[in-house]
């Protein structure tokens, strides 16, 4: 999920951690993962 300018990672409804979008160049997903559309839009805007 998008949390301000960071990615919030959740598992079973519990928040695990956040990762600032500014630190990322790419995200590689290799498992069944849900991604919010607002997060995808912000990642595109940031060039991730």
ModelCIF file with pLDDT and N, C-alpha, C, O atoms, coordinates in Angstrom:
data_MODEL
#
_entry.id   MODEL 
#
_entity.id                         1 
_entity.type                       polymer 
_entity.pdbx_number_of_molecules   1 
#
_entity_poly.entity_id                      1 
_entity_poly.type                           'polypeptide(L)' 
_entity_poly.nstd_linkage                   no 
_entity_poly.nstd_monomer                   no 
_entity_poly.pdbx_seq_one_letter_code       
;(UNK)(UNK)(UNK)(UNK)(UNK)(UNK)(UNK)(UNK)(UNK)(UNK)(UNK)(UNK)(UNK)(UNK)(UNK)(UNK)
(UNK)(UNK)(UNK)(UNK)(UNK)(UNK)(UNK)(UNK)(UNK)(UNK)(UNK)(UNK)(UNK)(UNK)(UNK)(UNK)
(UNK)(UNK)(UNK)(UNK)(UNK)(UNK)(UNK)(UNK)(UNK)(UNK)(UNK)(UNK)(UNK)(UNK)(UNK)(UNK)
;
_entity_poly.pdbx_seq_one_letter_code_can   XXXXXXXXXXXXXXXXXXXXXXXXXXXXXXXXXXXXXXXXXXXXXXXX 
_entity_poly.pdbx_strand_id                 A 
#
loop_
_entity_poly_seq.entity_id 
_entity_poly_seq.num 
_entity_poly_seq.mon_id 
_entity_poly_seq.hetero 
1 1  UNK n 
1 2  UNK n 
1 3  UNK n 
1 4  UNK n 
1 5  UNK n 
1 6  UNK n 
1 7  UNK n 
1 8  UNK n 
1 9  UNK n 
1 10 UNK n 
1 11 UNK n 
1 12 UNK n 
1 13 UNK n 
1 14 UNK n 
1 15 UNK n 
1 16 UNK n 
1 17 UNK n 
1 18 UNK n 
1 19 UNK n 
1 20 UNK n 
1 21 UNK n 
1 22 UNK n 
1 23 UNK n 
1 24 UNK n 
1 25 UNK n 
1 26 UNK n 
1 27 UNK n 
1 28 UNK n 
1 29 UNK n 
1 30 UNK n 
1 31 UNK n 
1 32 UNK n 
1 33 UNK n 
1 34 UNK n 
1 35 UNK n 
1 36 UNK n 
1 37 UNK n 
1 38 UNK n 
1 39 UNK n 
1 40 UNK n 
1 41 UNK n 
1 42 UNK n 
1 43 UNK n 
1 44 UNK n 
1 45 UNK n 
1 46 UNK n 
1 47 UNK n 
1 48 UNK n 
#
_struct_asym.id          A 
_struct_asym.entity_id   1 
#
loop_
_ma_qa_metric.id 
_ma_qa_metric.mode 
_ma_qa_metric.name 
_ma_qa_metric.software_group_id 
_ma_qa_metric.type 
1 global pLDDT . pLDDT 
2 local  pLDDT . pLDDT 
#
_ma_qa_metric_global.metric_id      1 
_ma_qa_metric_global.metric_value   94.25 
_ma_qa_metric_global.model_id       1 
_ma_qa_metric_global.ordinal_id     1 
#
loop_
_ma_qa_metric_local.label_asym_id 
_ma_qa_metric_local.label_comp_id 
_ma_qa_metric_local.label_seq_id 
_ma_qa_metric_local.metric_id 
_ma_qa_metric_local.metric_value 
_ma_qa_metric_local.model_id 
_ma_qa_metric_local.ordinal_id 
A UNK 1  2 96.00 1 1  
A UNK 2  2 96.00 1 2  
A UNK 3  2 94.00 1 3  
A UNK 4  2 92.00 1 4  
A UNK 5  2 93.00 1 5  
A UNK 6  2 96.00 1 6  
A UNK 7  2 97.00 1 7  
A UNK 8  2 97.00 1 8  
A UNK 9  2 96.00 1 9  
A UNK 10 2 96.00 1 10 
A UNK 11 2 94.00 1 11 
A UNK 12 2 92.00 1 12 
A UNK 13 2 92.00 1 13 
A UNK 14 2 96.00 1 14 
A UNK 15 2 96.00 1 15 
A UNK 16 2 95.00 1 16 
A UNK 17 2 95.00 1 17 
A UNK 18 2 96.00 1 18 
A UNK 19 2 96.00 1 19 
A UNK 20 2 97.00 1 20 
A UNK 21 2 96.00 1 21 
A UNK 22 2 95.00 1 22 
A UNK 23 2 96.00 1 23 
A UNK 24 2 96.00 1 24 
A UNK 25 2 96.00 1 25 
A UNK 26 2 96.00 1 26 
A UNK 27 2 96.00 1 27 
A UNK 28 2 94.00 1 28 
A UNK 29 2 92.00 1 29 
A UNK 30 2 89.00 1 30 
A UNK 31 2 87.00 1 31 
A UNK 32 2 87.00 1 32 
A UNK 33 2 91.00 1 33 
A UNK 34 2 93.00 1 34 
A UNK 35 2 93.00 1 35 
A UNK 36 2 91.00 1 36 
A UNK 37 2 92.00 1 37 
A UNK 38 2 92.00 1 38 
A UNK 39 2 95.00 1 39 
A UNK 40 2 94.00 1 40 
A UNK 41 2 94.00 1 41 
A UNK 42 2 95.00 1 42 
A UNK 43 2 96.00 1 43 
A UNK 44 2 95.00 1 44 
A UNK 45 2 95.00 1 45 
A UNK 46 2 95.00 1 46 
A UNK 47 2 95.00 1 47 
A UNK 48 2 96.00 1 48 
#
loop_
_atom_site.group_PDB 
_atom_site.id 
_atom_site.type_symbol 
_atom_site.label_atom_id 
_atom_site.label_alt_id 
_atom_site.label_comp_id 
_atom_site.label_asym_id 
_atom_site.label_entity_id 
_atom_site.label_seq_id 
_atom_site.pdbx_PDB_ins_code 
_atom_site.Cartn_x 
_atom_site.Cartn_y 
_atom_site.Cartn_z 
_atom_site.occupancy 
_atom_site.B_iso_or_equiv 
_atom_site.pdbx_formal_charge 
_atom_site.auth_seq_id 
_atom_site.auth_comp_id 
_atom_site.auth_asym_id 
_atom_site.auth_atom_id 
_atom_site.pdbx_PDB_model_num 
ATOM 1   N N  . UNK A 1 1  ? 0.845  -1.192  0.000   1.00 96.00 ? 1  UNK A N  1 
ATOM 2   C CA . UNK A 1 1  ? 0.000  0.000   0.000   1.00 96.00 ? 1  UNK A CA 1 
ATOM 3   C C  . UNK A 1 1  ? 0.883  1.246   0.000   1.00 96.00 ? 1  UNK A C  1 
ATOM 4   O O  . UNK A 1 1  ? 2.038  1.207   0.422   1.00 96.00 ? 1  UNK A O  1 
ATOM 5   N N  . UNK A 1 2  ? 0.323  2.332   -0.474  1.00 96.00 ? 2  UNK A N  1 
ATOM 6   C CA . UNK A 1 2  ? 1.009  3.611   -0.439  1.00 96.00 ? 2  UNK A CA 1 
ATOM 7   C C  . UNK A 1 2  ? 0.811  4.240   0.935   1.00 96.00 ? 2  UNK A C  1 
ATOM 8   O O  . UNK A 1 2  ? -0.308 4.302   1.444   1.00 96.00 ? 2  UNK A O  1 
ATOM 9   N N  . UNK A 1 3  ? 1.904  4.704   1.526   1.00 94.00 ? 3  UNK A N  1 
ATOM 10  C CA . UNK A 1 3  ? 1.858  5.414   2.799   1.00 94.00 ? 3  UNK A CA 1 
ATOM 11  C C  . UNK A 1 3  ? 2.719  6.658   2.656   1.00 94.00 ? 3  UNK A C  1 
ATOM 12  O O  . UNK A 1 3  ? 3.929  6.616   2.874   1.00 94.00 ? 3  UNK A O  1 
ATOM 13  N N  . UNK A 1 4  ? 2.084  7.768   2.287   1.00 92.00 ? 4  UNK A N  1 
ATOM 14  C CA . UNK A 1 4  ? 2.788  9.018   1.993   1.00 92.00 ? 4  UNK A CA 1 
ATOM 15  C C  . UNK A 1 4  ? 3.750  8.753   0.834   1.00 92.00 ? 4  UNK A C  1 
ATOM 16  O O  . UNK A 1 4  ? 3.290  8.450   -0.267  1.00 92.00 ? 4  UNK A O  1 
ATOM 17  N N  . UNK A 1 5  ? 5.034  8.853   1.032   1.00 93.00 ? 5  UNK A N  1 
ATOM 18  C CA . UNK A 1 5  ? 6.018  8.598   -0.024  1.00 93.00 ? 5  UNK A CA 1 
ATOM 19  C C  . UNK A 1 5  ? 6.790  7.307   0.256   1.00 93.00 ? 5  UNK A C  1 
ATOM 20  O O  . UNK A 1 5  ? 7.987  7.211   -0.018  1.00 93.00 ? 5  UNK A O  1 
ATOM 21  N N  . UNK A 1 6  ? 6.088  6.327   0.803   1.00 96.00 ? 6  UNK A N  1 
ATOM 22  C CA . UNK A 1 6  ? 6.706  5.047   1.135   1.00 96.00 ? 6  UNK A CA 1 
ATOM 23  C C  . UNK A 1 6  ? 5.768  3.901   0.771   1.00 96.00 ? 6  UNK A C  1 
ATOM 24  O O  . UNK A 1 6  ? 4.562  4.086   0.607   1.00 96.00 ? 6  UNK A O  1 
ATOM 25  N N  . UNK A 1 7  ? 6.352  2.717   0.649   1.00 97.00 ? 7  UNK A N  1 
ATOM 26  C CA . UNK A 1 7  ? 5.593  1.487   0.441   1.00 97.00 ? 7  UNK A CA 1 
ATOM 27  C C  . UNK A 1 7  ? 5.402  0.845   1.807   1.00 97.00 ? 7  UNK A C  1 
ATOM 28  O O  . UNK A 1 7  ? 6.369  0.606   2.531   1.00 97.00 ? 7  UNK A O  1 
ATOM 29  N N  . UNK A 1 8  ? 4.156  0.568   2.152   1.00 97.00 ? 8  UNK A N  1 
ATOM 30  C CA . UNK A 1 8  ? 3.863  -0.140  3.392   1.00 97.00 ? 8  UNK A CA 1 
ATOM 31  C C  . UNK A 1 8  ? 3.590  -1.596  3.043   1.00 97.00 ? 8  UNK A C  1 
ATOM 32  O O  . UNK A 1 8  ? 2.741  -1.888  2.201   1.00 97.00 ? 8  UNK A O  1 
ATOM 33  N N  . UNK A 1 9  ? 4.306  -2.502  3.684   1.00 96.00 ? 9  UNK A N  1 
ATOM 34  C CA . UNK A 1 9  ? 4.143  -3.933  3.450   1.00 96.00 ? 9  UNK A CA 1 
ATOM 35  C C  . UNK A 1 9  ? 3.293  -4.528  4.563   1.00 96.00 ? 9  UNK A C  1 
ATOM 36  O O  . UNK A 1 9  ? 3.575  -4.347  5.747   1.00 96.00 ? 9  UNK A O  1 
ATOM 37  N N  . UNK A 1 10 ? 2.238  -5.250  4.154   1.00 96.00 ? 10 UNK A N  1 
ATOM 38  C CA . UNK A 1 10 ? 1.323  -5.897  5.097   1.00 96.00 ? 10 UNK A CA 1 
ATOM 39  C C  . UNK A 1 10 ? 1.294  -7.394  4.834   1.00 96.00 ? 10 UNK A C  1 
ATOM 40  O O  . UNK A 1 10 ? 1.395  -7.844  3.693   1.00 96.00 ? 10 UNK A O  1 
ATOM 41  N N  . UNK A 1 11 ? 1.154  -8.151  5.911   1.00 94.00 ? 11 UNK A N  1 
ATOM 42  C CA . UNK A 1 11 ? 0.956  -9.598  5.817   1.00 94.00 ? 11 UNK A CA 1 
ATOM 43  C C  . UNK A 1 11 ? -0.138 -9.975  6.799   1.00 94.00 ? 11 UNK A C  1 
ATOM 44  O O  . UNK A 1 11 ? -0.046 -9.668  7.988   1.00 94.00 ? 11 UNK A O  1 
ATOM 45  N N  . UNK A 1 12 ? -1.176 -10.642 6.302   1.00 92.00 ? 12 UNK A N  1 
ATOM 46  C CA . UNK A 1 12 ? -2.324 -11.027 7.132   1.00 92.00 ? 12 UNK A CA 1 
ATOM 47  C C  . UNK A 1 12 ? -2.915 -9.832  7.875   1.00 92.00 ? 12 UNK A C  1 
ATOM 48  O O  . UNK A 1 12 ? -3.324 -9.952  9.030   1.00 92.00 ? 12 UNK A O  1 
ATOM 49  N N  . UNK A 1 13 ? -2.958 -8.683  7.209   1.00 92.00 ? 13 UNK A N  1 
ATOM 50  C CA . UNK A 1 13 ? -3.539 -7.493  7.806   1.00 92.00 ? 13 UNK A CA 1 
ATOM 51  C C  . UNK A 1 13 ? -2.642 -6.737  8.762   1.00 92.00 ? 13 UNK A C  1 
ATOM 52  O O  . UNK A 1 13 ? -3.017 -5.672  9.251   1.00 92.00 ? 13 UNK A O  1 
ATOM 53  N N  . UNK A 1 14 ? -1.459 -7.272  9.038   1.00 96.00 ? 14 UNK A N  1 
ATOM 54  C CA . UNK A 1 14 ? -0.541 -6.614  9.965   1.00 96.00 ? 14 UNK A CA 1 
ATOM 55  C C  . UNK A 1 14 ? 0.591  -5.942  9.195   1.00 96.00 ? 14 UNK A C  1 
ATOM 56  O O  . UNK A 1 14 ? 1.192  -6.526  8.293   1.00 96.00 ? 14 UNK A O  1 
ATOM 57  N N  . UNK A 1 15 ? 0.858  -4.718  9.573   1.00 96.00 ? 15 UNK A N  1 
ATOM 58  C CA . UNK A 1 15 ? 1.913  -3.943  8.923   1.00 96.00 ? 15 UNK A CA 1 
ATOM 59  C C  . UNK A 1 15 ? 3.280  -4.471  9.364   1.00 96.00 ? 15 UNK A C  1 
ATOM 60  O O  . UNK A 1 15 ? 3.576  -4.555  10.556  1.00 96.00 ? 15 UNK A O  1 
ATOM 61  N N  . UNK A 1 16 ? 4.110  -4.828  8.367   1.00 95.00 ? 16 UNK A N  1 
ATOM 62  C CA . UNK A 1 16 ? 5.441  -5.347  8.669   1.00 95.00 ? 16 UNK A CA 1 
ATOM 63  C C  . UNK A 1 16 ? 6.485  -4.247  8.716   1.00 95.00 ? 16 UNK A C  1 
ATOM 64  O O  . UNK A 1 16 ? 7.274  -4.176  9.658   1.00 95.00 ? 16 UNK A O  1 
ATOM 65  N N  . UNK A 1 17 ? 6.494  -3.381  7.695   1.00 95.00 ? 17 UNK A N  1 
ATOM 66  C CA . UNK A 1 17 ? 7.492  -2.311  7.595   1.00 95.00 ? 17 UNK A CA 1 
ATOM 67  C C  . UNK A 1 17 ? 7.143  -1.379  6.457   1.00 95.00 ? 17 UNK A C  1 
ATOM 68  O O  . UNK A 1 17 ? 6.192  -1.615  5.711   1.00 95.00 ? 17 UNK A O  1 
ATOM 69  N N  . UNK A 1 18 ? 7.924  -0.314  6.330   1.00 96.00 ? 18 UNK A N  1 
ATOM 70  C CA . UNK A 1 18 ? 7.786  0.598   5.203   1.00 96.00 ? 18 UNK A CA 1 
ATOM 71  C C  . UNK A 1 18 ? 9.137  0.761   4.521   1.00 96.00 ? 18 UNK A C  1 
ATOM 72  O O  . UNK A 1 18 ? 10.190 0.612   5.141   1.00 96.00 ? 18 UNK A O  1 
ATOM 73  N N  . UNK A 1 19 ? 9.081  1.070   3.233   1.00 96.00 ? 19 UNK A N  1 
ATOM 74  C CA . UNK A 1 19 ? 10.288 1.314   2.442   1.00 96.00 ? 19 UNK A CA 1 
ATOM 75  C C  . UNK A 1 19 ? 10.070 2.619   1.681   1.00 96.00 ? 19 UNK A C  1 
ATOM 76  O O  . UNK A 1 19 ? 9.116  2.721   0.911   1.00 96.00 ? 19 UNK A O  1 
ATOM 77  N N  . UNK A 1 20 ? 10.933 3.623   1.878   1.00 97.00 ? 20 UNK A N  1 
ATOM 78  C CA . UNK A 1 20 ? 10.783 4.880   1.146   1.00 97.00 ? 20 UNK A CA 1 
ATOM 79  C C  . UNK A 1 20 ? 10.928 4.669   -0.362  1.00 97.00 ? 20 UNK A C  1 
ATOM 80  O O  . UNK A 1 20 ? 11.873 4.025   -0.817  1.00 97.00 ? 20 UNK A O  1 
ATOM 81  N N  . UNK A 1 21 ? 9.995  5.211   -1.123  1.00 96.00 ? 21 UNK A N  1 
ATOM 82  C CA . UNK A 1 21 ? 10.023 5.067   -2.579  1.00 96.00 ? 21 UNK A CA 1 
ATOM 83  C C  . UNK A 1 21 ? 11.276 5.706   -3.167  1.00 96.00 ? 21 UNK A C  1 
ATOM 84  O O  . UNK A 1 21 ? 11.814 5.214   -4.159  1.00 96.00 ? 21 UNK A O  1 
ATOM 85  N N  . UNK A 1 22 ? 11.742 6.794   -2.565  1.00 95.00 ? 22 UNK A N  1 
ATOM 86  C CA . UNK A 1 22 ? 12.916 7.509   -3.074  1.00 95.00 ? 22 UNK A CA 1 
ATOM 87  C C  . UNK A 1 22 ? 14.180 6.649   -3.090  1.00 95.00 ? 22 UNK A C  1 
ATOM 88  O O  . UNK A 1 22 ? 15.123 6.961   -3.816  1.00 95.00 ? 22 UNK A O  1 
ATOM 89  N N  . UNK A 1 23 ? 14.216 5.579   -2.307  1.00 96.00 ? 23 UNK A N  1 
ATOM 90  C CA . UNK A 1 23 ? 15.396 4.711   -2.248  1.00 96.00 ? 23 UNK A CA 1 
ATOM 91  C C  . UNK A 1 23 ? 15.391 3.626   -3.326  1.00 96.00 ? 23 UNK A C  1 
ATOM 92  O O  . UNK A 1 23 ? 16.370 2.894   -3.473  1.00 96.00 ? 23 UNK A O  1 
ATOM 93  N N  . UNK A 1 24 ? 14.284 3.517   -4.085  1.00 96.00 ? 24 UNK A N  1 
ATOM 94  C CA . UNK A 1 24 ? 14.126 2.391   -4.996  1.00 96.00 ? 24 UNK A CA 1 
ATOM 95  C C  . UNK A 1 24 ? 14.326 2.764   -6.454  1.00 96.00 ? 24 UNK A C  1 
ATOM 96  O O  . UNK A 1 24 ? 13.961 3.851   -6.901  1.00 96.00 ? 24 UNK A O  1 
ATOM 97  N N  . UNK A 1 25 ? 14.919 1.823   -7.179  1.00 96.00 ? 25 UNK A N  1 
ATOM 98  C CA . UNK A 1 25 ? 15.032 1.905   -8.630  1.00 96.00 ? 25 UNK A CA 1 
ATOM 99  C C  . UNK A 1 25 ? 14.074 0.907   -9.279  1.00 96.00 ? 25 UNK A C  1 
ATOM 100 O O  . UNK A 1 25 ? 13.532 1.151   -10.357 1.00 96.00 ? 25 UNK A O  1 
ATOM 101 N N  . UNK A 1 26 ? 13.879 -0.225  -8.595  1.00 96.00 ? 26 UNK A N  1 
ATOM 102 C CA . UNK A 1 26 ? 13.000 -1.268  -9.135  1.00 96.00 ? 26 UNK A CA 1 
ATOM 103 C C  . UNK A 1 26 ? 12.452 -2.125  -8.004  1.00 96.00 ? 26 UNK A C  1 
ATOM 104 O O  . UNK A 1 26 ? 13.033 -2.217  -6.923  1.00 96.00 ? 26 UNK A O  1 
ATOM 105 N N  . UNK A 1 27 ? 11.294 -2.760  -8.297  1.00 96.00 ? 27 UNK A N  1 
ATOM 106 C CA . UNK A 1 27 ? 10.695 -3.743  -7.399  1.00 96.00 ? 27 UNK A CA 1 
ATOM 107 C C  . UNK A 1 27 ? 10.496 -5.015  -8.209  1.00 96.00 ? 27 UNK A C  1 
ATOM 108 O O  . UNK A 1 27 ? 9.943  -4.978  -9.308  1.00 96.00 ? 27 UNK A O  1 
ATOM 109 N N  . UNK A 1 28 ? 10.946 -6.132  -7.667  1.00 94.00 ? 28 UNK A N  1 
ATOM 110 C CA . UNK A 1 28 ? 10.763 -7.429  -8.312  1.00 94.00 ? 28 UNK A CA 1 
ATOM 111 C C  . UNK A 1 28 ? 9.812  -8.237  -7.446  1.00 94.00 ? 28 UNK A C  1 
ATOM 112 O O  . UNK A 1 28 ? 10.060 -8.455  -6.260  1.00 94.00 ? 28 UNK A O  1 
ATOM 113 N N  . UNK A 1 29 ? 8.710  -8.679  -8.061  1.00 92.00 ? 29 UNK A N  1 
ATOM 114 C CA . UNK A 1 29 ? 7.691  -9.451  -7.343  1.00 92.00 ? 29 UNK A CA 1 
ATOM 115 C C  . UNK A 1 29 ? 7.698  -10.872 -7.884  1.00 92.00 ? 29 UNK A C  1 
ATOM 116 O O  . UNK A 1 29 ? 7.508  -11.094 -9.080  1.00 92.00 ? 29 UNK A O  1 
ATOM 117 N N  . UNK A 1 30 ? 7.921  -11.833 -6.990  1.00 89.00 ? 30 UNK A N  1 
ATOM 118 C CA . UNK A 1 30 ? 7.971  -13.234 -7.388  1.00 89.00 ? 30 UNK A CA 1 
ATOM 119 C C  . UNK A 1 30 ? 7.061  -14.102 -6.506  1.00 89.00 ? 30 UNK A C  1 
ATOM 120 O O  . UNK A 1 30 ? 7.387  -15.250 -6.201  1.00 89.00 ? 30 UNK A O  1 
ATOM 121 N N  . UNK A 1 31 ? 5.950  -13.550 -6.114  1.00 87.00 ? 31 UNK A N  1 
ATOM 122 C CA . UNK A 1 31 ? 4.988  -14.300 -5.297  1.00 87.00 ? 31 UNK A CA 1 
ATOM 123 C C  . UNK A 1 31 ? 3.627  -13.637 -5.453  1.00 87.00 ? 31 UNK A C  1 
ATOM 124 O O  . UNK A 1 31 ? 3.517  -12.536 -5.993  1.00 87.00 ? 31 UNK A O  1 
ATOM 125 N N  . UNK A 1 32 ? 2.611  -14.308 -4.981  1.00 87.00 ? 32 UNK A N  1 
ATOM 126 C CA . UNK A 1 32 ? 1.256  -13.774 -5.044  1.00 87.00 ? 32 UNK A CA 1 
ATOM 127 C C  . UNK A 1 32 ? 1.182  -12.554 -4.129  1.00 87.00 ? 32 UNK A C  1 
ATOM 128 O O  . UNK A 1 32 ? 1.201  -12.691 -2.905  1.00 87.00 ? 32 UNK A O  1 
ATOM 129 N N  . UNK A 1 33 ? 1.097  -11.355 -4.724  1.00 91.00 ? 33 UNK A N  1 
ATOM 130 C CA . UNK A 1 33 ? 1.155  -10.097 -3.983  1.00 91.00 ? 33 UNK A CA 1 
ATOM 131 C C  . UNK A 1 33 ? 0.069  -9.155  -4.475  1.00 91.00 ? 33 UNK A C  1 
ATOM 132 O O  . UNK A 1 33 ? -0.174 -9.067  -5.678  1.00 91.00 ? 33 UNK A O  1 
ATOM 133 N N  . UNK A 1 34 ? -0.584 -8.453  -3.563  1.00 93.00 ? 34 UNK A N  1 
ATOM 134 C CA . UNK A 1 34 ? -1.573 -7.442  -3.925  1.00 93.00 ? 34 UNK A CA 1 
ATOM 135 C C  . UNK A 1 34 ? -0.896 -6.073  -3.888  1.00 93.00 ? 34 UNK A C  1 
ATOM 136 O O  . UNK A 1 34 ? -0.173 -5.745  -2.947  1.00 93.00 ? 34 UNK A O  1 
ATOM 137 N N  . UNK A 1 35 ? -1.147 -5.281  -4.936  1.00 93.00 ? 35 UNK A N  1 
ATOM 138 C CA . UNK A 1 35 ? -0.562 -3.944  -5.032  1.00 93.00 ? 35 UNK A CA 1 
ATOM 139 C C  . UNK A 1 35 ? -1.685 -2.960  -5.323  1.00 93.00 ? 35 UNK A C  1 
ATOM 140 O O  . UNK A 1 35 ? -2.472 -3.171  -6.246  1.00 93.00 ? 35 UNK A O  1 
ATOM 141 N N  . UNK A 1 36 ? -1.767 -1.880  -4.540  1.00 91.00 ? 36 UNK A N  1 
ATOM 142 C CA . UNK A 1 36 ? -2.822 -0.891  -4.763  1.00 91.00 ? 36 UNK A CA 1 
ATOM 143 C C  . UNK A 1 36 ? -2.517 -0.065  -6.008  1.00 91.00 ? 36 UNK A C  1 
ATOM 144 O O  . UNK A 1 36 ? -1.355 0.153   -6.352  1.00 91.00 ? 36 UNK A O  1 
ATOM 145 N N  . UNK A 1 37 ? -3.561 0.385   -6.670  1.00 92.00 ? 37 UNK A N  1 
ATOM 146 C CA . UNK A 1 37 ? -3.383 1.186   -7.885  1.00 92.00 ? 37 UNK A CA 1 
ATOM 147 C C  . UNK A 1 37 ? -2.741 2.532   -7.576  1.00 92.00 ? 37 UNK A C  1 
ATOM 148 O O  . UNK A 1 37 ? -1.987 3.053   -8.399  1.00 92.00 ? 37 UNK A O  1 
ATOM 149 N N  . UNK A 1 38 ? -3.019 3.101   -6.421  1.00 92.00 ? 38 UNK A N  1 
ATOM 150 C CA . UNK A 1 38 ? -2.389 4.374   -6.061  1.00 92.00 ? 38 UNK A CA 1 
ATOM 151 C C  . UNK A 1 38 ? -0.886 4.200   -5.870  1.00 92.00 ? 38 UNK A C  1 
ATOM 152 O O  . UNK A 1 38 ? -0.111 5.097   -6.201  1.00 92.00 ? 38 UNK A O  1 
ATOM 153 N N  . UNK A 1 39 ? -0.475 3.067   -5.345  1.00 95.00 ? 39 UNK A N  1 
ATOM 154 C CA . UNK A 1 39 ? 0.961  2.797   -5.215  1.00 95.00 ? 39 UNK A CA 1 
ATOM 155 C C  . UNK A 1 39 ? 1.604  2.649   -6.587  1.00 95.00 ? 39 UNK A C  1 
ATOM 156 O O  . UNK A 1 39 ? 2.678  3.200   -6.829  1.00 95.00 ? 39 UNK A O  1 
ATOM 157 N N  . UNK A 1 40 ? 0.964  1.916   -7.482  1.00 94.00 ? 40 UNK A N  1 
ATOM 158 C CA . UNK A 1 40 ? 1.514  1.752   -8.832  1.00 94.00 ? 40 UNK A CA 1 
ATOM 159 C C  . UNK A 1 40 ? 1.665  3.101   -9.538  1.00 94.00 ? 40 UNK A C  1 
ATOM 160 O O  . UNK A 1 40 ? 2.661  3.330   -10.224 1.00 94.00 ? 40 UNK A O  1 
ATOM 161 N N  . UNK A 1 41 ? 0.698  3.982   -9.377  1.00 94.00 ? 41 UNK A N  1 
ATOM 162 C CA . UNK A 1 41 ? 0.772  5.311   -9.988  1.00 94.00 ? 41 UNK A CA 1 
ATOM 163 C C  . UNK A 1 41 ? 1.939  6.113   -9.429  1.00 94.00 ? 41 UNK A C  1 
ATOM 164 O O  . UNK A 1 41 ? 2.656  6.774   -10.180 1.00 94.00 ? 41 UNK A O  1 
ATOM 165 N N  . UNK A 1 42 ? 2.132  6.059   -8.122  1.00 95.00 ? 42 UNK A N  1 
ATOM 166 C CA . UNK A 1 42 ? 3.251  6.785   -7.517  1.00 95.00 ? 42 UNK A CA 1 
ATOM 167 C C  . UNK A 1 42 ? 4.598  6.194   -7.899  1.00 95.00 ? 42 UNK A C  1 
ATOM 168 O O  . UNK A 1 42 ? 5.570  6.930   -8.072  1.00 95.00 ? 42 UNK A O  1 
ATOM 169 N N  . UNK A 1 43 ? 4.667  4.884   -8.031  1.00 96.00 ? 43 UNK A N  1 
ATOM 170 C CA . UNK A 1 43 ? 5.910  4.253   -8.472  1.00 96.00 ? 43 UNK A CA 1 
ATOM 171 C C  . UNK A 1 43 ? 6.246  4.687   -9.896  1.00 96.00 ? 43 UNK A C  1 
ATOM 172 O O  . UNK A 1 43 ? 7.403  4.971   -10.204 1.00 96.00 ? 43 UNK A O  1 
ATOM 173 N N  . UNK A 1 44 ? 5.240  4.740   -10.758 1.00 95.00 ? 44 UNK A N  1 
ATOM 174 C CA . UNK A 1 44 ? 5.452  5.191   -12.137 1.00 95.00 ? 44 UNK A CA 1 
ATOM 175 C C  . UNK A 1 44 ? 5.929  6.637   -12.160 1.00 95.00 ? 44 UNK A C  1 
ATOM 176 O O  . UNK A 1 44 ? 6.858  6.973   -12.895 1.00 95.00 ? 44 UNK A O  1 
ATOM 177 N N  . UNK A 1 45 ? 5.303  7.491   -11.362 1.00 95.00 ? 45 UNK A N  1 
ATOM 178 C CA . UNK A 1 45 ? 5.710  8.897   -11.290 1.00 95.00 ? 45 UNK A CA 1 
ATOM 179 C C  . UNK A 1 45 ? 7.151  9.055   -10.809 1.00 95.00 ? 45 UNK A C  1 
ATOM 180 O O  . UNK A 1 45 ? 7.859  9.966   -11.237 1.00 95.00 ? 45 UNK A O  1 
ATOM 181 N N  . UNK A 1 46 ? 7.577  8.165   -9.919  1.00 95.00 ? 46 UNK A N  1 
ATOM 182 C CA . UNK A 1 46 ? 8.931  8.220   -9.364  1.00 95.00 ? 46 UNK A CA 1 
ATOM 183 C C  . UNK A 1 46 ? 9.957  7.518   -10.255 1.00 95.00 ? 46 UNK A C  1 
ATOM 184 O O  . UNK A 1 46 ? 11.155 7.554   -9.971  1.00 95.00 ? 46 UNK A O  1 
ATOM 185 N N  . UNK A 1 47 ? 9.491  6.879   -11.332 1.00 95.00 ? 47 UNK A N  1 
ATOM 186 C CA . UNK A 1 47 ? 10.405 6.178   -12.233 1.00 95.00 ? 47 UNK A CA 1 
ATOM 187 C C  . UNK A 1 47 ? 10.882 4.837   -11.715 1.00 95.00 ? 47 UNK A C  1 
ATOM 188 O O  . UNK A 1 47 ? 11.931 4.347   -12.134 1.00 95.00 ? 47 UNK A O  1 
ATOM 189 N N  . UNK A 1 48 ? 10.122 4.237   -10.805 1.00 96.00 ? 48 UNK A N  1 
ATOM 190 C CA . UNK A 1 48 ? 10.473 2.930   -10.242 1.00 96.00 ? 48 UNK A CA 1 
ATOM 191 C C  . UNK A 1 48 ? 9.872  1.838   -11.123 1.00 96.00 ? 48 UNK A C  1 
ATOM 192 O O  . UNK A 1 48 ? 10.040 0.652   -10.839 1.00 96.00 ? 48 UNK A O  1 
#
